[in-house]
Amino acid sequence: MNTRKSWLIAVFALVFLFIGISFLPTPVYLFAAFLAFAIGNAASKSGMGAAQPAMPAMSAAPLQPPTTTRVELPERPMPDSIPANLKCPSCGASVKPTDKVCAFCGSTLQPVLDLPEPAKLGGLAIGGSVRVVHPKKGELTFRVRGRLLFTELWQASHGPNVPWTPTGNYFAGFALEPAGYLLNWQDRFYIMDERRSLTDMDINRDFAPYARQFAQSNQTARVEFSYSGARWQMVDIGRFAIEFEDGEGSHLHKGAIGRFIHAGSGDGQALVIDDFQSGGSGGQDTLWRGFLIKETDIKI
């Protein structure tokens, strides 16, 4: 018996009992009352068993952000103060705290700051000039305003609790005037013309999915994506720390720890994305756009 019919019969029985109480014999009236009660009870149970509107599902708790990557860097003794006007003991020419050779007379120096030499461009000094053959603008002359020393990082094995440590490879980046950025990483050299600040949202939307796909293939897959009106291919991903900065004009600072994404296009354009670890590690998430060049395009 469906619910609607059960309720109609129950109502009819109650009306009949209300009218019949004055003329029905007591046994008949009691039987009719029992029948009306049974029908009403069945209708009530049927209604309770009917499908009810589903309650809206509660949204799941947001995923917690990944923990800060643990990095272990070697302790390097730093002097309490560095003289501002260091001189070569042989010729009196001005030298920098990191100089191991006097650029003027060639004498060997004992540097105040004993830092590792970068793999390339170690002879490029702040205040000096560098000529670069730009793929679009021809040969340009820049003045070096600042320098960054990058440490490449790696994990001995994959895992959230395995620290990132230096590989022993060091690379350099240079802030240039007129505005530009010269970077060496492994066997690649970049001259960058355009700098843009990024947010975590920008990186997660525009680059992270493709970097993740590239990482899952152990950096062997051809991973392409579109960005800012061009088609790009993933070239390299990894992690780094900035061990030292000197000079001026750089947007990054000593102690900054992050990951990088390098991508290229078919016409020689390049993207370099620096995504820094949260917690005030010394860097602003940044995108550089420029060109891949050859080592022979750089003349010190």
Protein backbone atom coordinates (compact mmCIF):
# COMPACT_ATOMS: atom_id res chain seq x y z
CA MET A 1 0.00 0.00 0.00
CA ASN A 2 1.49 3.32 -0.99
CA THR A 3 1.69 6.24 1.44
CA ARG A 4 -0.96 8.47 -0.17
CA LYS A 5 -3.60 5.70 -0.25
CA SER A 6 -2.83 4.68 3.34
CA TRP A 7 -3.37 8.21 4.63
CA LEU A 8 -6.66 8.59 2.68
CA ILE A 9 -8.02 5.34 4.12
CA ALA A 10 -6.89 6.32 7.63
CA VAL A 11 -8.63 9.72 7.37
CA PHE A 12 -11.79 8.11 6.01
CA ALA A 13 -11.77 5.57 8.89
CA LEU A 14 -11.40 8.37 11.48
CA VAL A 15 -14.30 10.30 9.95
CA PHE A 16 -16.39 7.13 9.94
CA LEU A 17 -15.56 6.48 13.60
CA PHE A 18 -16.38 10.05 14.57
CA ILE A 19 -19.79 9.76 12.92
CA GLY A 20 -20.40 6.13 13.88
CA ILE A 21 -19.69 6.50 17.59
CA SER A 22 -23.34 7.42 18.16
CA PHE A 23 -24.98 4.44 16.39
CA LEU A 24 -22.44 1.61 15.98
CA PRO A 25 -22.42 -1.32 18.42
CA THR A 26 -19.44 -1.30 20.78
CA PRO A 27 -17.67 -4.40 19.30
CA VAL A 28 -17.95 -3.07 15.75
CA TYR A 29 -16.76 0.39 16.82
CA LEU A 30 -13.70 -1.05 18.64
CA PHE A 31 -12.78 -3.16 15.59
CA ALA A 32 -13.06 -0.14 13.30
CA ALA A 33 -10.90 1.91 15.70
CA PHE A 34 -8.21 -0.78 15.73
CA LEU A 35 -8.29 -0.96 11.92
CA ALA A 36 -7.91 2.84 11.62
CA PHE A 37 -4.96 2.81 14.04
CA ALA A 38 -3.20 0.00 12.09
CA ILE A 39 -3.62 1.81 8.77
CA GLY A 40 -2.37 5.12 10.21
CA ASN A 41 0.67 3.44 11.77
CA ALA A 42 1.57 1.78 8.44
CA ALA A 43 1.27 5.11 6.63
CA SER A 44 3.52 6.77 9.20
CA LYS A 45 6.25 4.14 8.80
CA SER A 46 6.04 4.28 5.02
CA GLY A 47 6.50 8.05 5.10
CA MET A 48 9.55 7.74 7.37
CA GLY A 49 11.13 5.26 4.97
CA ALA A 50 10.73 7.50 1.92
CA ALA A 51 13.80 9.02 0.40
CA GLN A 52 14.84 12.26 2.07
CA PRO A 53 16.70 15.12 0.40
CA ALA A 54 20.45 14.55 0.70
CA MET A 55 22.28 16.82 3.09
CA PRO A 56 25.00 18.85 1.41
CA ALA A 57 28.40 17.24 1.90
CA MET A 58 30.78 19.14 4.14
CA SER A 59 33.84 20.38 2.31
CA ALA A 60 37.02 18.50 3.08
CA ALA A 61 39.62 20.20 5.22
CA PRO A 62 42.17 22.02 3.08
CA LEU A 63 45.41 20.19 2.47
CA GLN A 64 48.25 21.43 4.59
CA PRO A 65 51.07 23.14 2.69
CA PRO A 66 54.27 21.11 2.29
CA THR A 67 56.81 21.49 5.03
CA THR A 68 59.81 23.71 4.45
CA THR A 69 62.53 21.85 2.62
CA ARG A 70 65.44 21.02 4.94
CA VAL A 71 68.76 22.22 3.54
CA GLU A 72 72.17 21.59 5.11
CA LEU A 73 74.88 24.01 3.99
CA PRO A 74 78.52 23.98 5.09
CA GLU A 75 79.59 26.44 7.77
CA ARG A 76 81.80 29.13 6.29
CA PRO A 77 83.70 31.41 8.67
CA MET A 78 82.79 35.04 8.07
CA PRO A 79 84.87 37.93 9.42
CA ASP A 80 83.21 40.29 11.87
CA SER A 81 83.96 43.22 9.57
CA ILE A 82 85.28 43.62 6.03
CA PRO A 83 87.40 46.69 5.19
CA ALA A 84 85.80 48.85 2.54
CA ASN A 85 89.07 49.82 0.81
CA LEU A 86 91.18 46.69 0.47
CA LYS A 87 94.42 47.17 -1.44
CA CYS A 88 96.80 44.82 -3.22
CA PRO A 89 99.97 44.59 -1.09
CA SER A 90 102.14 44.51 -4.23
CA CYS A 91 100.81 47.41 -6.30
CA GLY A 92 98.23 49.18 -4.13
CA ALA A 93 95.35 48.63 -6.53
CA SER A 94 91.87 48.19 -5.06
CA VAL A 95 90.81 44.59 -4.59
CA LYS A 96 87.64 42.89 -3.41
CA PRO A 97 87.25 40.61 -0.36
CA THR A 98 86.89 37.55 -2.59
CA ASP A 99 89.79 38.30 -4.97
CA LYS A 100 92.48 35.64 -5.15
CA VAL A 101 94.48 37.40 -7.85
CA CYS A 102 95.05 41.13 -8.32
CA ALA A 103 93.39 42.17 -11.56
CA PHE A 104 95.97 44.95 -12.04
CA CYS A 105 99.36 43.29 -11.42
CA GLY A 106 98.50 39.58 -11.28
CA SER A 107 99.82 39.03 -7.74
CA THR A 108 98.39 36.15 -5.73
CA LEU A 109 96.19 37.37 -2.86
CA GLN A 110 94.91 35.87 0.35
CA PRO A 111 91.15 36.59 0.11
CA VAL A 112 89.33 37.93 3.17
CA LEU A 113 86.38 35.74 2.20
CA ASP A 114 87.46 32.28 1.06
CA LEU A 115 84.61 31.25 -1.20
CA PRO A 116 84.56 28.50 -3.83
CA GLU A 117 85.10 29.54 -7.42
CA PRO A 118 82.11 29.24 -9.76
CA ALA A 119 82.47 26.76 -12.58
CA LYS A 120 82.37 29.56 -15.19
CA LEU A 121 82.81 33.34 -15.32
CA GLY A 122 84.98 33.41 -12.21
CA GLY A 123 87.04 36.25 -13.69
CA LEU A 124 84.07 38.58 -14.11
CA ALA A 125 84.45 41.29 -11.46
CA ILE A 126 82.10 43.87 -10.03
CA GLY A 127 82.78 47.25 -11.59
CA GLY A 128 84.28 45.66 -14.65
CA SER A 129 82.77 45.48 -18.10
CA VAL A 130 81.55 42.53 -20.12
CA ARG A 131 80.58 42.33 -23.78
CA VAL A 132 77.73 40.04 -24.76
CA VAL A 133 76.57 39.10 -28.24
CA HIS A 134 72.80 39.45 -27.91
CA PRO A 135 70.78 37.29 -30.35
CA LYS A 136 68.50 40.20 -31.25
CA LYS A 137 70.50 43.35 -30.43
CA GLY A 138 74.00 42.39 -31.49
CA GLU A 139 77.09 43.01 -29.35
CA LEU A 140 76.35 45.00 -26.17
CA THR A 141 78.66 46.27 -23.45
CA PHE A 142 77.53 46.08 -19.83
CA ARG A 143 78.97 47.14 -16.49
CA VAL A 144 78.78 44.53 -13.73
CA ARG A 145 76.89 45.91 -10.72
CA GLY A 146 76.46 42.82 -8.55
CA ARG A 147 77.23 39.12 -8.31
CA LEU A 148 75.50 36.09 -6.84
CA LEU A 149 77.18 32.76 -6.04
CA PHE A 150 74.77 29.82 -6.36
CA THR A 151 75.20 26.40 -4.77
CA GLU A 152 73.54 23.49 -6.55
CA LEU A 153 71.63 21.17 -4.16
CA TRP A 154 70.67 17.52 -4.33
CA GLN A 155 69.19 14.66 -2.26
CA ALA A 156 71.10 11.44 -1.66
CA SER A 157 67.74 9.65 -1.92
CA HIS A 158 64.16 10.76 -2.42
CA GLY A 159 62.05 11.40 0.65
CA PRO A 160 60.54 14.22 2.73
CA ASN A 161 63.03 13.70 5.55
CA VAL A 162 66.17 13.51 3.40
CA PRO A 163 68.03 16.85 3.51
CA TRP A 164 69.21 18.73 0.44
CA THR A 165 72.96 19.26 0.43
CA PRO A 166 75.47 20.91 -1.95
CA THR A 167 76.63 18.90 -4.96
CA GLY A 168 79.93 20.81 -4.98
CA ASN A 169 78.96 22.72 -8.15
CA TYR A 170 78.85 26.52 -7.97
CA PHE A 171 77.49 28.93 -10.55
CA ALA A 172 77.31 32.70 -10.84
CA GLY A 173 74.72 35.31 -11.78
CA PHE A 174 75.49 38.98 -12.49
CA ALA A 175 73.36 42.12 -12.24
CA LEU A 176 74.20 44.32 -15.23
CA GLU A 177 73.93 47.94 -16.24
CA PRO A 178 72.06 48.78 -18.49
CA ALA A 179 69.41 46.61 -16.83
CA GLY A 180 70.03 42.95 -17.47
CA TYR A 181 71.06 39.68 -15.87
CA LEU A 182 73.81 37.29 -16.99
CA LEU A 183 73.53 33.75 -15.64
CA ASN A 184 75.51 30.57 -15.99
CA TRP A 185 74.05 27.23 -14.91
CA GLN A 186 75.92 24.05 -15.79
CA ASP A 187 76.72 24.35 -19.52
CA ARG A 188 74.03 26.95 -20.23
CA PHE A 189 74.45 30.74 -20.41
CA TYR A 190 71.60 33.22 -20.37
CA ILE A 191 71.30 36.93 -21.05
CA MET A 192 68.03 38.14 -19.53
CA ASP A 193 66.25 41.34 -20.51
CA GLU A 194 62.94 41.22 -18.63
CA ARG A 195 62.31 40.57 -14.93
CA ARG A 196 58.88 39.96 -13.42
CA SER A 197 57.84 39.23 -9.84
CA LEU A 198 55.71 36.12 -9.33
CA THR A 199 53.38 34.85 -6.61
CA ASP A 200 52.93 31.26 -5.42
CA MET A 201 49.57 31.29 -7.23
CA ASP A 202 51.29 32.26 -10.51
CA ILE A 203 53.84 29.45 -10.15
CA ASN A 204 51.28 26.81 -9.14
CA ARG A 205 49.04 27.73 -12.05
CA ASP A 206 51.50 28.37 -14.89
CA PHE A 207 54.60 26.24 -14.18
CA ALA A 208 54.32 23.73 -11.32
CA PRO A 209 52.13 21.13 -13.13
CA TYR A 210 54.63 20.90 -16.00
CA ALA A 211 57.64 20.85 -13.66
CA ARG A 212 55.99 17.99 -11.75
CA GLN A 213 55.41 16.07 -14.99
CA PHE A 214 59.04 16.67 -16.00
CA ALA A 215 60.27 15.47 -12.60
CA GLN A 216 58.19 12.28 -12.78
CA SER A 217 59.98 11.38 -16.01
CA ASN A 218 63.39 11.96 -14.38
CA GLN A 219 63.72 14.98 -16.68
CA THR A 220 63.65 12.85 -19.82
CA ALA A 221 60.17 13.58 -21.20
CA ARG A 222 59.41 16.33 -23.70
CA VAL A 223 57.15 18.56 -21.61
CA GLU A 224 55.72 21.64 -23.31
CA PHE A 225 53.46 24.44 -22.14
CA SER A 226 52.17 27.82 -23.28
CA TYR A 227 53.01 31.04 -21.48
CA SER A 228 52.91 34.74 -22.34
CA GLY A 229 52.23 34.23 -26.03
CA ALA A 230 54.89 31.59 -26.68
CA ARG A 231 55.33 27.82 -26.58
CA TRP A 232 57.98 26.57 -24.14
CA GLN A 233 59.74 23.28 -23.40
CA MET A 234 61.05 22.24 -19.99
CA VAL A 235 64.86 22.14 -19.94
CA ASP A 236 65.93 21.72 -16.31
CA ILE A 237 64.57 21.81 -12.77
CA GLY A 238 66.32 21.63 -9.41
CA ARG A 239 67.17 23.37 -6.14
CA PHE A 240 69.77 25.91 -5.14
CA ALA A 241 70.97 28.15 -2.34
CA ILE A 242 72.66 31.54 -2.62
CA GLU A 243 75.93 31.34 -0.70
CA PHE A 244 77.13 34.88 -1.28
CA GLU A 245 76.13 38.20 -2.76
CA ASP A 246 78.19 41.30 -3.35
CA GLY A 247 77.78 44.57 -5.18
CA GLU A 248 74.37 46.02 -5.90
CA GLY A 249 71.45 45.74 -8.29
CA SER A 250 70.46 42.18 -7.38
CA HIS A 251 66.92 41.25 -6.39
CA LEU A 252 68.15 38.23 -4.39
CA HIS A 253 70.11 37.85 -1.17
CA LYS A 254 72.57 35.57 0.59
CA GLY A 255 70.83 32.67 2.32
CA ALA A 256 67.96 32.44 -0.16
CA ILE A 257 66.91 28.83 -0.81
CA GLY A 258 64.61 27.77 -3.61
CA ARG A 259 63.96 25.75 -6.70
CA PHE A 260 64.48 26.75 -10.31
CA ILE A 261 62.70 26.01 -13.56
CA HIS A 262 64.48 26.58 -16.88
CA ALA A 263 62.53 26.47 -20.14
CA GLY A 264 63.33 27.32 -23.75
CA SER A 265 61.55 28.00 -27.02
CA GLY A 266 62.40 26.99 -30.54
CA ASP A 267 63.76 30.43 -31.44
CA GLY A 268 66.31 30.63 -28.63
CA GLN A 269 64.20 32.46 -26.06
CA ALA A 270 64.54 31.36 -22.44
CA LEU A 271 62.60 31.50 -19.18
CA VAL A 272 64.25 31.22 -15.76
CA ILE A 273 61.86 30.91 -12.80
CA ASP A 274 63.14 31.18 -9.21
CA ASP A 275 60.64 29.89 -6.65
CA PHE A 276 61.82 30.56 -3.11
CA GLN A 277 61.05 28.59 0.01
CA SER A 278 58.57 30.20 2.40
CA GLY A 279 59.76 31.53 5.73
CA GLY A 280 61.74 34.57 4.70
CA SER A 281 64.62 32.76 2.99
CA GLY A 282 65.80 35.92 1.27
CA GLY A 283 64.26 35.87 -2.18
CA GLN A 284 61.32 37.18 -4.17
CA ASP A 285 59.77 34.65 -6.56
CA THR A 286 60.93 35.83 -9.96
CA LEU A 287 60.65 35.15 -13.68
CA TRP A 288 63.42 36.20 -16.06
CA ARG A 289 62.79 36.22 -19.80
CA GLY A 290 65.64 36.50 -22.28
CA PHE A 291 67.82 34.33 -24.49
CA LEU A 292 70.07 31.32 -24.35
CA ILE A 293 73.58 32.24 -25.57
CA LYS A 294 76.92 30.47 -26.01
CA GLU A 295 79.93 30.85 -23.74
CA THR A 296 81.82 32.31 -26.67
CA ASP A 297 79.21 35.10 -26.86
CA ILE A 298 80.57 36.45 -23.55
CA LYS A 299 83.78 38.44 -23.67
CA ILE A 300 85.34 39.59 -20.40
